[in-house]
ModelCIF file with pLDDT and N, C-alpha, C, O atoms, coordinates in Angstrom:
data_MODEL
#
_entry.id   MODEL 
#
_entity.id                         1 
_entity.type                       polymer 
_entity.pdbx_number_of_molecules   1 
#
_entity_poly.entity_id                      1 
_entity_poly.type                           'polypeptide(L)' 
_entity_poly.nstd_linkage                   no 
_entity_poly.nstd_monomer                   no 
_entity_poly.pdbx_seq_one_letter_code       
;(UNK)(UNK)(UNK)(UNK)(UNK)(UNK)(UNK)(UNK)(UNK)(UNK)(UNK)(UNK)(UNK)(UNK)(UNK)(UNK)
(UNK)(UNK)(UNK)(UNK)(UNK)(UNK)(UNK)(UNK)(UNK)(UNK)(UNK)(UNK)(UNK)(UNK)(UNK)(UNK)
(UNK)(UNK)(UNK)(UNK)(UNK)(UNK)(UNK)(UNK)(UNK)(UNK)(UNK)(UNK)(UNK)(UNK)
;
_entity_poly.pdbx_seq_one_letter_code_can   XXXXXXXXXXXXXXXXXXXXXXXXXXXXXXXXXXXXXXXXXXXXXX 
_entity_poly.pdbx_strand_id                 A 
#
loop_
_entity_poly_seq.entity_id 
_entity_poly_seq.num 
_entity_poly_seq.mon_id 
_entity_poly_seq.hetero 
1 1  UNK n 
1 2  UNK n 
1 3  UNK n 
1 4  UNK n 
1 5  UNK n 
1 6  UNK n 
1 7  UNK n 
1 8  UNK n 
1 9  UNK n 
1 10 UNK n 
1 11 UNK n 
1 12 UNK n 
1 13 UNK n 
1 14 UNK n 
1 15 UNK n 
1 16 UNK n 
1 17 UNK n 
1 18 UNK n 
1 19 UNK n 
1 20 UNK n 
1 21 UNK n 
1 22 UNK n 
1 23 UNK n 
1 24 UNK n 
1 25 UNK n 
1 26 UNK n 
1 27 UNK n 
1 28 UNK n 
1 29 UNK n 
1 30 UNK n 
1 31 UNK n 
1 32 UNK n 
1 33 UNK n 
1 34 UNK n 
1 35 UNK n 
1 36 UNK n 
1 37 UNK n 
1 38 UNK n 
1 39 UNK n 
1 40 UNK n 
1 41 UNK n 
1 42 UNK n 
1 43 UNK n 
1 44 UNK n 
1 45 UNK n 
1 46 UNK n 
#
_struct_asym.id          A 
_struct_asym.entity_id   1 
#
loop_
_ma_qa_metric.id 
_ma_qa_metric.mode 
_ma_qa_metric.name 
_ma_qa_metric.software_group_id 
_ma_qa_metric.type 
1 global pLDDT . pLDDT 
2 local  pLDDT . pLDDT 
#
_ma_qa_metric_global.metric_id      1 
_ma_qa_metric_global.metric_value   86.43 
_ma_qa_metric_global.model_id       1 
_ma_qa_metric_global.ordinal_id     1 
#
loop_
_ma_qa_metric_local.label_asym_id 
_ma_qa_metric_local.label_comp_id 
_ma_qa_metric_local.label_seq_id 
_ma_qa_metric_local.metric_id 
_ma_qa_metric_local.metric_value 
_ma_qa_metric_local.model_id 
_ma_qa_metric_local.ordinal_id 
A UNK 1  2 89.00 1 1  
A UNK 2  2 86.00 1 2  
A UNK 3  2 89.00 1 3  
A UNK 4  2 89.00 1 4  
A UNK 5  2 93.00 1 5  
A UNK 6  2 93.00 1 6  
A UNK 7  2 95.00 1 7  
A UNK 8  2 93.00 1 8  
A UNK 9  2 90.00 1 9  
A UNK 10 2 94.00 1 10 
A UNK 11 2 95.00 1 11 
A UNK 12 2 91.00 1 12 
A UNK 13 2 89.00 1 13 
A UNK 14 2 93.00 1 14 
A UNK 15 2 92.00 1 15 
A UNK 16 2 88.00 1 16 
A UNK 17 2 89.00 1 17 
A UNK 18 2 91.00 1 18 
A UNK 19 2 90.00 1 19 
A UNK 20 2 85.00 1 20 
A UNK 21 2 86.00 1 21 
A UNK 22 2 86.00 1 22 
A UNK 23 2 84.00 1 23 
A UNK 24 2 80.00 1 24 
A UNK 25 2 81.00 1 25 
A UNK 26 2 81.00 1 26 
A UNK 27 2 76.00 1 27 
A UNK 28 2 69.00 1 28 
A UNK 29 2 70.00 1 29 
A UNK 30 2 74.00 1 30 
A UNK 31 2 82.00 1 31 
A UNK 32 2 82.00 1 32 
A UNK 33 2 84.00 1 33 
A UNK 34 2 87.00 1 34 
A UNK 35 2 84.00 1 35 
A UNK 36 2 85.00 1 36 
A UNK 37 2 89.00 1 37 
A UNK 38 2 89.00 1 38 
A UNK 39 2 85.00 1 39 
A UNK 40 2 88.00 1 40 
A UNK 41 2 90.00 1 41 
A UNK 42 2 86.00 1 42 
A UNK 43 2 85.00 1 43 
A UNK 44 2 89.00 1 44 
A UNK 45 2 88.00 1 45 
A UNK 46 2 82.00 1 46 
#
loop_
_atom_site.group_PDB 
_atom_site.id 
_atom_site.type_symbol 
_atom_site.label_atom_id 
_atom_site.label_alt_id 
_atom_site.label_comp_id 
_atom_site.label_asym_id 
_atom_site.label_entity_id 
_atom_site.label_seq_id 
_atom_site.pdbx_PDB_ins_code 
_atom_site.Cartn_x 
_atom_site.Cartn_y 
_atom_site.Cartn_z 
_atom_site.occupancy 
_atom_site.B_iso_or_equiv 
_atom_site.pdbx_formal_charge 
_atom_site.auth_seq_id 
_atom_site.auth_comp_id 
_atom_site.auth_asym_id 
_atom_site.auth_atom_id 
_atom_site.pdbx_PDB_model_num 
ATOM 1   N N  . UNK A 1 1  ? 103.027 91.001  107.588 1.00 89.00 ? 1  UNK A N  1 
ATOM 2   C CA . UNK A 1 1  ? 102.015 90.598  106.609 1.00 89.00 ? 1  UNK A CA 1 
ATOM 3   C C  . UNK A 1 1  ? 102.463 90.977  105.207 1.00 89.00 ? 1  UNK A C  1 
ATOM 4   O O  . UNK A 1 1  ? 102.345 90.181  104.275 1.00 89.00 ? 1  UNK A O  1 
ATOM 5   N N  . UNK A 1 2  ? 102.979 92.199  105.056 1.00 86.00 ? 2  UNK A N  1 
ATOM 6   C CA . UNK A 1 2  ? 103.456 92.656  103.750 1.00 86.00 ? 2  UNK A CA 1 
ATOM 7   C C  . UNK A 1 2  ? 104.545 91.721  103.216 1.00 86.00 ? 2  UNK A C  1 
ATOM 8   O O  . UNK A 1 2  ? 104.555 91.403  102.027 1.00 86.00 ? 2  UNK A O  1 
ATOM 9   N N  . UNK A 1 3  ? 105.452 91.282  104.078 1.00 89.00 ? 3  UNK A N  1 
ATOM 10  C CA . UNK A 1 3  ? 106.556 90.427  103.670 1.00 89.00 ? 3  UNK A CA 1 
ATOM 11  C C  . UNK A 1 3  ? 106.240 88.956  103.629 1.00 89.00 ? 3  UNK A C  1 
ATOM 12  O O  . UNK A 1 3  ? 107.140 88.135  103.450 1.00 89.00 ? 3  UNK A O  1 
ATOM 13  N N  . UNK A 1 4  ? 104.955 88.597  103.794 1.00 89.00 ? 4  UNK A N  1 
ATOM 14  C CA . UNK A 1 4  ? 104.525 87.194  103.715 1.00 89.00 ? 4  UNK A CA 1 
ATOM 15  C C  . UNK A 1 4  ? 105.283 86.309  104.706 1.00 89.00 ? 4  UNK A C  1 
ATOM 16  O O  . UNK A 1 4  ? 105.627 85.171  104.386 1.00 89.00 ? 4  UNK A O  1 
ATOM 17  N N  . UNK A 1 5  ? 105.540 86.822  105.892 1.00 93.00 ? 5  UNK A N  1 
ATOM 18  C CA . UNK A 1 5  ? 106.147 86.065  106.979 1.00 93.00 ? 5  UNK A CA 1 
ATOM 19  C C  . UNK A 1 5  ? 107.538 85.536  106.610 1.00 93.00 ? 5  UNK A C  1 
ATOM 20  O O  . UNK A 1 5  ? 107.907 84.415  106.960 1.00 93.00 ? 5  UNK A O  1 
ATOM 21  N N  . UNK A 1 6  ? 108.298 86.373  105.894 1.00 93.00 ? 6  UNK A N  1 
ATOM 22  C CA . UNK A 1 6  ? 109.673 86.020  105.526 1.00 93.00 ? 6  UNK A CA 1 
ATOM 23  C C  . UNK A 1 6  ? 110.585 87.224  105.771 1.00 93.00 ? 6  UNK A C  1 
ATOM 24  O O  . UNK A 1 6  ? 110.173 88.362  105.547 1.00 93.00 ? 6  UNK A O  1 
ATOM 25  N N  . UNK A 1 7  ? 111.830 86.986  106.233 1.00 95.00 ? 7  UNK A N  1 
ATOM 26  C CA . UNK A 1 7  ? 112.730 88.107  106.561 1.00 95.00 ? 7  UNK A CA 1 
ATOM 27  C C  . UNK A 1 7  ? 112.994 89.039  105.392 1.00 95.00 ? 7  UNK A C  1 
ATOM 28  O O  . UNK A 1 7  ? 112.996 90.257  105.569 1.00 95.00 ? 7  UNK A O  1 
ATOM 29  N N  . UNK A 1 8  ? 113.219 88.493  104.192 1.00 93.00 ? 8  UNK A N  1 
ATOM 30  C CA . UNK A 1 8  ? 113.522 89.355  103.046 1.00 93.00 ? 8  UNK A CA 1 
ATOM 31  C C  . UNK A 1 8  ? 112.326 90.243  102.716 1.00 93.00 ? 8  UNK A C  1 
ATOM 32  O O  . UNK A 1 8  ? 112.493 91.428  102.428 1.00 93.00 ? 8  UNK A O  1 
ATOM 33  N N  . UNK A 1 9  ? 111.119 89.675  102.756 1.00 90.00 ? 9  UNK A N  1 
ATOM 34  C CA . UNK A 1 9  ? 109.928 90.470  102.492 1.00 90.00 ? 9  UNK A CA 1 
ATOM 35  C C  . UNK A 1 9  ? 109.737 91.573  103.513 1.00 90.00 ? 9  UNK A C  1 
ATOM 36  O O  . UNK A 1 9  ? 109.344 92.686  103.165 1.00 90.00 ? 9  UNK A O  1 
ATOM 37  N N  . UNK A 1 10 ? 110.015 91.269  104.779 1.00 94.00 ? 10 UNK A N  1 
ATOM 38  C CA . UNK A 1 10 ? 109.917 92.294  105.830 1.00 94.00 ? 10 UNK A CA 1 
ATOM 39  C C  . UNK A 1 10 ? 110.938 93.395  105.584 1.00 94.00 ? 10 UNK A C  1 
ATOM 40  O O  . UNK A 1 10 ? 110.638 94.574  105.775 1.00 94.00 ? 10 UNK A O  1 
ATOM 41  N N  . UNK A 1 11 ? 112.153 93.016  105.155 1.00 95.00 ? 11 UNK A N  1 
ATOM 42  C CA . UNK A 1 11 ? 113.184 94.010  104.872 1.00 95.00 ? 11 UNK A CA 1 
ATOM 43  C C  . UNK A 1 11 ? 112.779 94.914  103.712 1.00 95.00 ? 11 UNK A C  1 
ATOM 44  O O  . UNK A 1 11 ? 113.031 96.118  103.755 1.00 95.00 ? 11 UNK A O  1 
ATOM 45  N N  . UNK A 1 12 ? 112.159 94.354  102.680 1.00 91.00 ? 12 UNK A N  1 
ATOM 46  C CA . UNK A 1 12 ? 111.719 95.157  101.537 1.00 91.00 ? 12 UNK A CA 1 
ATOM 47  C C  . UNK A 1 12 ? 110.624 96.136  101.963 1.00 91.00 ? 12 UNK A C  1 
ATOM 48  O O  . UNK A 1 12 ? 110.679 97.321  101.632 1.00 91.00 ? 12 UNK A O  1 
ATOM 49  N N  . UNK A 1 13 ? 109.638 95.638  102.693 1.00 89.00 ? 13 UNK A N  1 
ATOM 50  C CA . UNK A 1 13 ? 108.575 96.523  103.162 1.00 89.00 ? 13 UNK A CA 1 
ATOM 51  C C  . UNK A 1 13 ? 109.090 97.625  104.069 1.00 89.00 ? 13 UNK A C  1 
ATOM 52  O O  . UNK A 1 13 ? 108.665 98.775  103.958 1.00 89.00 ? 13 UNK A O  1 
ATOM 53  N N  . UNK A 1 14 ? 110.002 97.279  104.964 1.00 93.00 ? 14 UNK A N  1 
ATOM 54  C CA . UNK A 1 14 ? 110.569 98.292  105.866 1.00 93.00 ? 14 UNK A CA 1 
ATOM 55  C C  . UNK A 1 14 ? 111.397 99.314  105.097 1.00 93.00 ? 14 UNK A C  1 
ATOM 56  O O  . UNK A 1 14 ? 111.438 100.486 105.470 1.00 93.00 ? 14 UNK A O  1 
ATOM 57  N N  . UNK A 1 15 ? 112.063 98.873  104.013 1.00 92.00 ? 15 UNK A N  1 
ATOM 58  C CA . UNK A 1 15 ? 112.847 99.805  103.196 1.00 92.00 ? 15 UNK A CA 1 
ATOM 59  C C  . UNK A 1 15 ? 111.936 100.813 102.503 1.00 92.00 ? 15 UNK A C  1 
ATOM 60  O O  . UNK A 1 15 ? 112.264 101.997 102.424 1.00 92.00 ? 15 UNK A O  1 
ATOM 61  N N  . UNK A 1 16 ? 110.791 100.346 102.001 1.00 88.00 ? 16 UNK A N  1 
ATOM 62  C CA . UNK A 1 16 ? 109.849 101.276 101.368 1.00 88.00 ? 16 UNK A CA 1 
ATOM 63  C C  . UNK A 1 16 ? 109.333 102.300 102.371 1.00 88.00 ? 16 UNK A C  1 
ATOM 64  O O  . UNK A 1 16 ? 109.263 103.494 102.080 1.00 88.00 ? 16 UNK A O  1 
ATOM 65  N N  . UNK A 1 17 ? 108.973 101.813 103.559 1.00 89.00 ? 17 UNK A N  1 
ATOM 66  C CA . UNK A 1 17 ? 108.533 102.730 104.611 1.00 89.00 ? 17 UNK A CA 1 
ATOM 67  C C  . UNK A 1 17 ? 109.651 103.713 104.961 1.00 89.00 ? 17 UNK A C  1 
ATOM 68  O O  . UNK A 1 17 ? 109.421 104.918 105.065 1.00 89.00 ? 17 UNK A O  1 
ATOM 69  N N  . UNK A 1 18 ? 110.868 103.183 105.142 1.00 91.00 ? 18 UNK A N  1 
ATOM 70  C CA . UNK A 1 18 ? 111.988 104.026 105.519 1.00 91.00 ? 18 UNK A CA 1 
ATOM 71  C C  . UNK A 1 18 ? 112.329 105.051 104.450 1.00 91.00 ? 18 UNK A C  1 
ATOM 72  O O  . UNK A 1 18 ? 112.723 106.173 104.768 1.00 91.00 ? 18 UNK A O  1 
ATOM 73  N N  . UNK A 1 19 ? 112.177 104.669 103.160 1.00 90.00 ? 19 UNK A N  1 
ATOM 74  C CA . UNK A 1 19 ? 112.499 105.606 102.092 1.00 90.00 ? 19 UNK A CA 1 
ATOM 75  C C  . UNK A 1 19 ? 111.551 106.802 102.113 1.00 90.00 ? 19 UNK A C  1 
ATOM 76  O O  . UNK A 1 19 ? 111.992 107.948 102.024 1.00 90.00 ? 19 UNK A O  1 
ATOM 77  N N  . UNK A 1 20 ? 110.253 106.538 102.231 1.00 85.00 ? 20 UNK A N  1 
ATOM 78  C CA . UNK A 1 20 ? 109.286 107.629 102.271 1.00 85.00 ? 20 UNK A CA 1 
ATOM 79  C C  . UNK A 1 20 ? 109.514 108.502 103.506 1.00 85.00 ? 20 UNK A C  1 
ATOM 80  O O  . UNK A 1 20 ? 109.470 109.729 103.422 1.00 85.00 ? 20 UNK A O  1 
ATOM 81  N N  . UNK A 1 21 ? 109.758 107.867 104.645 1.00 86.00 ? 21 UNK A N  1 
ATOM 82  C CA . UNK A 1 21 ? 110.006 108.622 105.878 1.00 86.00 ? 21 UNK A CA 1 
ATOM 83  C C  . UNK A 1 21 ? 111.318 109.387 105.795 1.00 86.00 ? 21 UNK A C  1 
ATOM 84  O O  . UNK A 1 21 ? 111.410 110.516 106.277 1.00 86.00 ? 21 UNK A O  1 
ATOM 85  N N  . UNK A 1 22 ? 112.347 108.776 105.180 1.00 86.00 ? 22 UNK A N  1 
ATOM 86  C CA . UNK A 1 22 ? 113.635 109.454 105.032 1.00 86.00 ? 22 UNK A CA 1 
ATOM 87  C C  . UNK A 1 22 ? 113.555 110.664 104.131 1.00 86.00 ? 22 UNK A C  1 
ATOM 88  O O  . UNK A 1 22 ? 114.157 111.697 104.425 1.00 86.00 ? 22 UNK A O  1 
ATOM 89  N N  . UNK A 1 23 ? 112.807 110.554 103.017 1.00 84.00 ? 23 UNK A N  1 
ATOM 90  C CA . UNK A 1 23 ? 112.623 111.695 102.124 1.00 84.00 ? 23 UNK A CA 1 
ATOM 91  C C  . UNK A 1 23 ? 111.921 112.826 102.862 1.00 84.00 ? 23 UNK A C  1 
ATOM 92  O O  . UNK A 1 23 ? 112.265 113.996 102.690 1.00 84.00 ? 23 UNK A O  1 
ATOM 93  N N  . UNK A 1 24 ? 110.944 112.477 103.676 1.00 80.00 ? 24 UNK A N  1 
ATOM 94  C CA . UNK A 1 24 ? 110.226 113.506 104.440 1.00 80.00 ? 24 UNK A CA 1 
ATOM 95  C C  . UNK A 1 24 ? 111.158 114.243 105.394 1.00 80.00 ? 24 UNK A C  1 
ATOM 96  O O  . UNK A 1 24 ? 111.033 115.454 105.579 1.00 80.00 ? 24 UNK A O  1 
ATOM 97  N N  . UNK A 1 25 ? 112.085 113.516 105.998 1.00 81.00 ? 25 UNK A N  1 
ATOM 98  C CA . UNK A 1 25 ? 112.921 114.100 107.041 1.00 81.00 ? 25 UNK A CA 1 
ATOM 99  C C  . UNK A 1 25 ? 114.053 114.948 106.493 1.00 81.00 ? 25 UNK A C  1 
ATOM 100 O O  . UNK A 1 25 ? 114.415 115.956 107.100 1.00 81.00 ? 25 UNK A O  1 
ATOM 101 N N  . UNK A 1 26 ? 114.624 114.558 105.353 1.00 81.00 ? 26 UNK A N  1 
ATOM 102 C CA . UNK A 1 26 ? 115.885 115.193 104.966 1.00 81.00 ? 26 UNK A CA 1 
ATOM 103 C C  . UNK A 1 26 ? 115.870 115.874 103.606 1.00 81.00 ? 26 UNK A C  1 
ATOM 104 O O  . UNK A 1 26 ? 116.868 116.489 103.229 1.00 81.00 ? 26 UNK A O  1 
ATOM 105 N N  . UNK A 1 27 ? 114.780 115.789 102.859 1.00 76.00 ? 27 UNK A N  1 
ATOM 106 C CA . UNK A 1 27 ? 114.810 116.289 101.491 1.00 76.00 ? 27 UNK A CA 1 
ATOM 107 C C  . UNK A 1 27 ? 113.985 117.557 101.327 1.00 76.00 ? 27 UNK A C  1 
ATOM 108 O O  . UNK A 1 27 ? 113.204 117.935 102.200 1.00 76.00 ? 27 UNK A O  1 
ATOM 109 N N  . UNK A 1 28 ? 114.183 118.195 100.193 1.00 69.00 ? 28 UNK A N  1 
ATOM 110 C CA . UNK A 1 28 ? 113.529 119.470 99.912  1.00 69.00 ? 28 UNK A CA 1 
ATOM 111 C C  . UNK A 1 28 ? 112.082 119.266 99.473  1.00 69.00 ? 28 UNK A C  1 
ATOM 112 O O  . UNK A 1 28 ? 111.636 118.141 99.250  1.00 69.00 ? 28 UNK A O  1 
ATOM 113 N N  . UNK A 1 29 ? 111.354 120.390 99.354  1.00 70.00 ? 29 UNK A N  1 
ATOM 114 C CA . UNK A 1 29 ? 109.958 120.313 98.953  1.00 70.00 ? 29 UNK A CA 1 
ATOM 115 C C  . UNK A 1 29 ? 109.774 119.759 97.557  1.00 70.00 ? 29 UNK A C  1 
ATOM 116 O O  . UNK A 1 29 ? 108.805 119.042 97.306  1.00 70.00 ? 29 UNK A O  1 
ATOM 117 N N  . UNK A 1 30 ? 110.698 120.077 96.621  1.00 74.00 ? 30 UNK A N  1 
ATOM 118 C CA . UNK A 1 30 ? 110.599 119.561 95.254  1.00 74.00 ? 30 UNK A CA 1 
ATOM 119 C C  . UNK A 1 30 ? 110.732 118.043 95.234  1.00 74.00 ? 30 UNK A C  1 
ATOM 120 O O  . UNK A 1 30 ? 110.105 117.373 94.414  1.00 74.00 ? 30 UNK A O  1 
ATOM 121 N N  . UNK A 1 31 ? 111.539 117.506 96.127  1.00 82.00 ? 31 UNK A N  1 
ATOM 122 C CA . UNK A 1 31 ? 111.695 116.052 96.200  1.00 82.00 ? 31 UNK A CA 1 
ATOM 123 C C  . UNK A 1 31 ? 110.417 115.399 96.688  1.00 82.00 ? 31 UNK A C  1 
ATOM 124 O O  . UNK A 1 31 ? 110.053 114.326 96.206  1.00 82.00 ? 31 UNK A O  1 
ATOM 125 N N  . UNK A 1 32 ? 109.735 116.014 97.622  1.00 82.00 ? 32 UNK A N  1 
ATOM 126 C CA . UNK A 1 32 ? 108.467 115.467 98.114  1.00 82.00 ? 32 UNK A CA 1 
ATOM 127 C C  . UNK A 1 32 ? 107.399 115.533 97.030  1.00 82.00 ? 32 UNK A C  1 
ATOM 128 O O  . UNK A 1 32 ? 106.543 114.652 96.948  1.00 82.00 ? 32 UNK A O  1 
ATOM 129 N N  . UNK A 1 33 ? 107.443 116.568 96.201  1.00 84.00 ? 33 UNK A N  1 
ATOM 130 C CA . UNK A 1 33 ? 106.538 116.637 95.052  1.00 84.00 ? 33 UNK A CA 1 
ATOM 131 C C  . UNK A 1 33 ? 106.803 115.470 94.105  1.00 84.00 ? 33 UNK A C  1 
ATOM 132 O O  . UNK A 1 33 ? 105.865 114.856 93.596  1.00 84.00 ? 33 UNK A O  1 
ATOM 133 N N  . UNK A 1 34 ? 108.072 115.165 93.868  1.00 87.00 ? 34 UNK A N  1 
ATOM 134 C CA . UNK A 1 34 ? 108.426 114.018 93.026  1.00 87.00 ? 34 UNK A CA 1 
ATOM 135 C C  . UNK A 1 34 ? 107.915 112.723 93.631  1.00 87.00 ? 34 UNK A C  1 
ATOM 136 O O  . UNK A 1 34 ? 107.535 111.799 92.912  1.00 87.00 ? 34 UNK A O  1 
ATOM 137 N N  . UNK A 1 35 ? 107.907 112.659 94.951  1.00 84.00 ? 35 UNK A N  1 
ATOM 138 C CA . UNK A 1 35 ? 107.412 111.461 95.620  1.00 84.00 ? 35 UNK A CA 1 
ATOM 139 C C  . UNK A 1 35 ? 105.923 111.258 95.345  1.00 84.00 ? 35 UNK A C  1 
ATOM 140 O O  . UNK A 1 35 ? 105.471 110.120 95.218  1.00 84.00 ? 35 UNK A O  1 
ATOM 141 N N  . UNK A 1 36 ? 105.157 112.347 95.252  1.00 85.00 ? 36 UNK A N  1 
ATOM 142 C CA . UNK A 1 36 ? 103.734 112.243 94.924  1.00 85.00 ? 36 UNK A CA 1 
ATOM 143 C C  . UNK A 1 36 ? 103.549 111.619 93.546  1.00 85.00 ? 36 UNK A C  1 
ATOM 144 O O  . UNK A 1 36 ? 102.689 110.758 93.359  1.00 85.00 ? 36 UNK A O  1 
ATOM 145 N N  . UNK A 1 37 ? 104.358 112.056 92.582  1.00 89.00 ? 37 UNK A N  1 
ATOM 146 C CA . UNK A 1 37 ? 104.274 111.483 91.231  1.00 89.00 ? 37 UNK A CA 1 
ATOM 147 C C  . UNK A 1 37 ? 104.660 110.015 91.245  1.00 89.00 ? 37 UNK A C  1 
ATOM 148 O O  . UNK A 1 37 ? 104.033 109.204 90.563  1.00 89.00 ? 37 UNK A O  1 
ATOM 149 N N  . UNK A 1 38 ? 105.678 109.664 92.008  1.00 89.00 ? 38 UNK A N  1 
ATOM 150 C CA . UNK A 1 38 ? 106.095 108.257 92.087  1.00 89.00 ? 38 UNK A CA 1 
ATOM 151 C C  . UNK A 1 38 ? 104.992 107.389 92.683  1.00 89.00 ? 38 UNK A C  1 
ATOM 152 O O  . UNK A 1 38 ? 104.764 106.270 92.224  1.00 89.00 ? 38 UNK A O  1 
ATOM 153 N N  . UNK A 1 39 ? 104.316 107.896 93.692  1.00 85.00 ? 39 UNK A N  1 
ATOM 154 C CA . UNK A 1 39 ? 103.218 107.138 94.292  1.00 85.00 ? 39 UNK A CA 1 
ATOM 155 C C  . UNK A 1 39 ? 102.116 106.899 93.261  1.00 85.00 ? 39 UNK A C  1 
ATOM 156 O O  . UNK A 1 39 ? 101.560 105.804 93.187  1.00 85.00 ? 39 UNK A O  1 
ATOM 157 N N  . UNK A 1 40 ? 101.802 107.920 92.470  1.00 88.00 ? 40 UNK A N  1 
ATOM 158 C CA . UNK A 1 40 ? 100.783 107.773 91.439  1.00 88.00 ? 40 UNK A CA 1 
ATOM 159 C C  . UNK A 1 40 ? 101.189 106.725 90.410  1.00 88.00 ? 40 UNK A C  1 
ATOM 160 O O  . UNK A 1 40 ? 100.370 105.897 90.014  1.00 88.00 ? 40 UNK A O  1 
ATOM 161 N N  . UNK A 1 41 ? 102.445 106.753 89.976  1.00 90.00 ? 41 UNK A N  1 
ATOM 162 C CA . UNK A 1 41 ? 102.916 105.776 88.994  1.00 90.00 ? 41 UNK A CA 1 
ATOM 163 C C  . UNK A 1 41 ? 102.946 104.361 89.570  1.00 90.00 ? 41 UNK A C  1 
ATOM 164 O O  . UNK A 1 41 ? 102.613 103.400 88.878  1.00 90.00 ? 41 UNK A O  1 
ATOM 165 N N  . UNK A 1 42 ? 103.345 104.234 90.832  1.00 86.00 ? 42 UNK A N  1 
ATOM 166 C CA . UNK A 1 42 ? 103.376 102.910 91.466  1.00 86.00 ? 42 UNK A CA 1 
ATOM 167 C C  . UNK A 1 42 ? 101.972 102.326 91.563  1.00 86.00 ? 42 UNK A C  1 
ATOM 168 O O  . UNK A 1 42 ? 101.774 101.136 91.317  1.00 86.00 ? 42 UNK A O  1 
ATOM 169 N N  . UNK A 1 43 ? 101.004 103.155 91.919  1.00 85.00 ? 43 UNK A N  1 
ATOM 170 C CA . UNK A 1 43 ? 99.627  102.669 92.006  1.00 85.00 ? 43 UNK A CA 1 
ATOM 171 C C  . UNK A 1 43 ? 99.070  102.327 90.628  1.00 85.00 ? 43 UNK A C  1 
ATOM 172 O O  . UNK A 1 43 ? 98.277  101.394 90.496  1.00 85.00 ? 43 UNK A O  1 
ATOM 173 N N  . UNK A 1 44 ? 99.479  103.078 89.591  1.00 89.00 ? 44 UNK A N  1 
ATOM 174 C CA . UNK A 1 44 ? 99.047  102.747 88.233  1.00 89.00 ? 44 UNK A CA 1 
ATOM 175 C C  . UNK A 1 44 ? 99.595  101.385 87.808  1.00 89.00 ? 44 UNK A C  1 
ATOM 176 O O  . UNK A 1 44 ? 98.878  100.587 87.204  1.00 89.00 ? 44 UNK A O  1 
ATOM 177 N N  . UNK A 1 45 ? 100.867 101.121 88.124  1.00 88.00 ? 45 UNK A N  1 
ATOM 178 C CA . UNK A 1 45 ? 101.442 99.810  87.804  1.00 88.00 ? 45 UNK A CA 1 
ATOM 179 C C  . UNK A 1 45 ? 100.733 98.703  88.576  1.00 88.00 ? 45 UNK A C  1 
ATOM 180 O O  . UNK A 1 45 ? 100.504 97.615  88.047  1.00 88.00 ? 45 UNK A O  1 
ATOM 181 N N  . UNK A 1 46 ? 100.388 98.985  89.826  1.00 82.00 ? 46 UNK A N  1 
ATOM 182 C CA . UNK A 1 46 ? 99.661  98.003  90.633  1.00 82.00 ? 46 UNK A CA 1 
ATOM 183 C C  . UNK A 1 46 ? 98.278  97.732  90.039  1.00 82.00 ? 46 UNK A C  1 
ATOM 184 O O  . UNK A 1 46 ? 97.519  96.931  90.582  1.00 82.00 ? 46 UNK A O  1 
#
């Protein structure tokens, strides 16, 4: 649904999911704090 029934859109949505999940798995606490700020900025742009 996120990718509007197209392969490229599905790949973009999966990359966003994978990036957040990847940061959670392998990065430090300061990086996760930065992720919170990025989420806030992304929602502001939206």
